[in-house]
Amino acid sequence: MTNAILSPGEKVHMIHRRHTENEPHRHFVGVVNSYADGMVRVTGHVYTVDAMTLLFFRRPEIRTRIVAAVSGEVLINVLPASVQLDKVVYKIESNGMRVTDGSDWHLDISDVSWK
């Protein structure tokens, strides 16, 4: 029997590793469809940085992606079930960058370079 590290229905926030300073920021927020052998299938939205404002925005189209969870190319944060994915935004706070849905929940991503 194989234990899955991610389960269908779990909500996730993914930060794709940048290999160069000029490479665009790519974050993904969505729901796990399935997980097997280190690969995760997720459906949700891509968030990227607007080059003019340096603020994250959500791309409108829903995407389904296959991501190698064990590759070292992506940091995966499992979100609480209560997070409302359609309300997720990025906000600059006095001490850094946070991801929030407007509720009491937030994810501090200040330790990840976003500028």
Protein backbone atom coordinates (compact mmCIF):
# COMPACT_ATOMS: atom_id res chain seq x y z
CA MET A 1 0.00 0.00 0.00
CA THR A 2 1.34 3.43 -1.00
CA ASN A 3 0.76 6.45 1.21
CA ALA A 4 0.07 9.61 -0.77
CA ILE A 5 1.59 12.81 0.56
CA LEU A 6 -1.18 14.83 -1.14
CA SER A 7 -4.83 13.85 -1.33
CA PRO A 8 -7.56 14.73 -3.83
CA GLY A 9 -9.44 17.83 -2.73
CA GLU A 10 -6.56 19.37 -0.79
CA LYS A 11 -5.88 23.01 -1.58
CA VAL A 12 -2.33 24.00 -2.44
CA HIS A 13 -0.17 27.04 -3.12
CA MET A 14 2.84 26.32 -5.34
CA ILE A 15 5.88 28.48 -5.95
CA HIS A 16 7.85 27.50 -9.04
CA ARG A 17 11.59 27.92 -8.69
CA ARG A 18 13.19 30.68 -10.74
CA HIS A 19 16.50 29.81 -12.39
CA THR A 20 17.45 33.38 -13.32
CA GLU A 21 16.64 36.79 -11.86
CA ASN A 22 14.81 37.78 -15.06
CA GLU A 23 12.62 34.68 -15.17
CA PRO A 24 9.00 35.55 -14.38
CA HIS A 25 7.48 34.64 -11.03
CA ARG A 26 5.04 31.75 -11.34
CA HIS A 27 2.82 30.75 -8.47
CA PHE A 28 -0.15 28.42 -8.67
CA VAL A 29 -3.15 28.14 -6.36
CA GLY A 30 -5.54 25.26 -6.79
CA VAL A 31 -6.96 21.91 -5.79
CA VAL A 32 -5.26 18.52 -5.97
CA ASN A 33 -7.02 16.21 -8.42
CA SER A 34 -4.70 13.26 -7.88
CA TYR A 35 -1.25 12.28 -6.66
CA ALA A 36 0.87 9.28 -7.61
CA ASP A 37 4.57 8.48 -7.61
CA GLY A 38 5.65 12.05 -6.86
CA MET A 39 3.45 13.59 -9.54
CA VAL A 40 0.51 15.81 -8.65
CA ARG A 41 -2.34 16.83 -10.94
CA VAL A 42 -3.82 20.18 -9.87
CA THR A 43 -6.50 22.52 -11.18
CA GLY A 44 -6.54 26.22 -10.41
CA HIS A 45 -5.03 29.58 -11.33
CA VAL A 46 -1.58 30.90 -12.14
CA TYR A 47 -0.44 34.02 -10.30
CA THR A 48 2.35 36.11 -11.74
CA VAL A 49 3.96 39.51 -11.14
CA ASP A 50 3.00 42.57 -13.17
CA ALA A 51 6.34 44.03 -14.31
CA MET A 52 5.08 47.60 -13.98
CA THR A 53 3.57 47.47 -10.48
CA LEU A 54 5.56 44.54 -9.04
CA LEU A 55 2.27 43.15 -7.70
CA PHE A 56 0.92 39.64 -8.16
CA PHE A 57 -2.23 39.15 -10.18
CA ARG A 58 -4.32 36.08 -11.06
CA ARG A 59 -4.54 34.96 -14.64
CA PRO A 60 -8.24 34.49 -15.45
CA GLU A 61 -8.13 31.09 -17.16
CA ILE A 62 -8.40 27.91 -15.10
CA ARG A 63 -5.55 25.52 -15.76
CA THR A 64 -4.87 21.89 -15.01
CA ARG A 65 -1.21 21.07 -14.50
CA ILE A 66 0.90 18.02 -13.84
CA VAL A 67 3.71 18.93 -11.44
CA ALA A 68 6.64 16.83 -10.26
CA ALA A 69 6.25 17.39 -6.53
CA VAL A 70 9.59 15.76 -5.70
CA SER A 71 11.72 17.54 -8.32
CA GLY A 72 12.92 20.41 -6.15
CA GLU A 73 11.52 22.81 -8.77
CA VAL A 74 8.40 23.69 -6.81
CA LEU A 75 7.63 24.57 -3.20
CA ILE A 76 4.18 23.28 -2.22
CA ASN A 77 2.23 24.74 0.68
CA VAL A 78 -0.88 22.82 1.73
CA LEU A 79 -3.64 25.30 2.52
CA PRO A 80 -6.39 24.94 5.11
CA ALA A 81 -9.66 23.53 3.78
CA SER A 82 -11.41 26.77 4.79
CA VAL A 83 -9.42 28.93 2.31
CA GLN A 84 -11.65 30.37 -0.41
CA LEU A 85 -9.52 29.96 -3.53
CA ASP A 86 -11.59 32.35 -5.63
CA LYS A 87 -10.77 35.15 -3.16
CA VAL A 88 -6.99 34.61 -2.91
CA VAL A 89 -4.94 37.77 -3.37
CA TYR A 90 -1.38 38.87 -2.67
CA LYS A 91 -0.91 41.84 -0.35
CA ILE A 92 2.16 43.82 0.63
CA GLU A 93 2.17 44.17 4.40
CA SER A 94 4.54 46.27 6.48
CA ASN A 95 6.81 43.28 7.04
CA GLY A 96 6.55 41.54 3.67
CA MET A 97 4.32 39.76 1.17
CA ARG A 98 1.27 37.73 2.21
CA VAL A 99 -1.21 35.54 0.42
CA THR A 100 -4.73 35.79 1.86
CA ASP A 101 -8.36 35.17 1.03
CA GLY A 102 -9.49 38.14 3.11
CA SER A 103 -10.25 36.03 6.17
CA ASP A 104 -8.03 35.59 9.22
CA TRP A 105 -5.91 33.13 7.21
CA HIS A 106 -2.72 34.24 5.49
CA LEU A 107 0.47 32.71 4.14
CA ASP A 108 3.61 34.78 4.63
CA ILE A 109 5.86 34.38 1.60
CA SER A 110 8.37 37.07 2.53
CA ASP A 111 11.12 34.46 2.73
CA VAL A 112 10.67 33.78 -1.00
CA SER A 113 12.11 36.38 -3.35
CA TRP A 114 9.29 38.06 -5.25
CA LYS A 115 10.80 41.34 -6.47
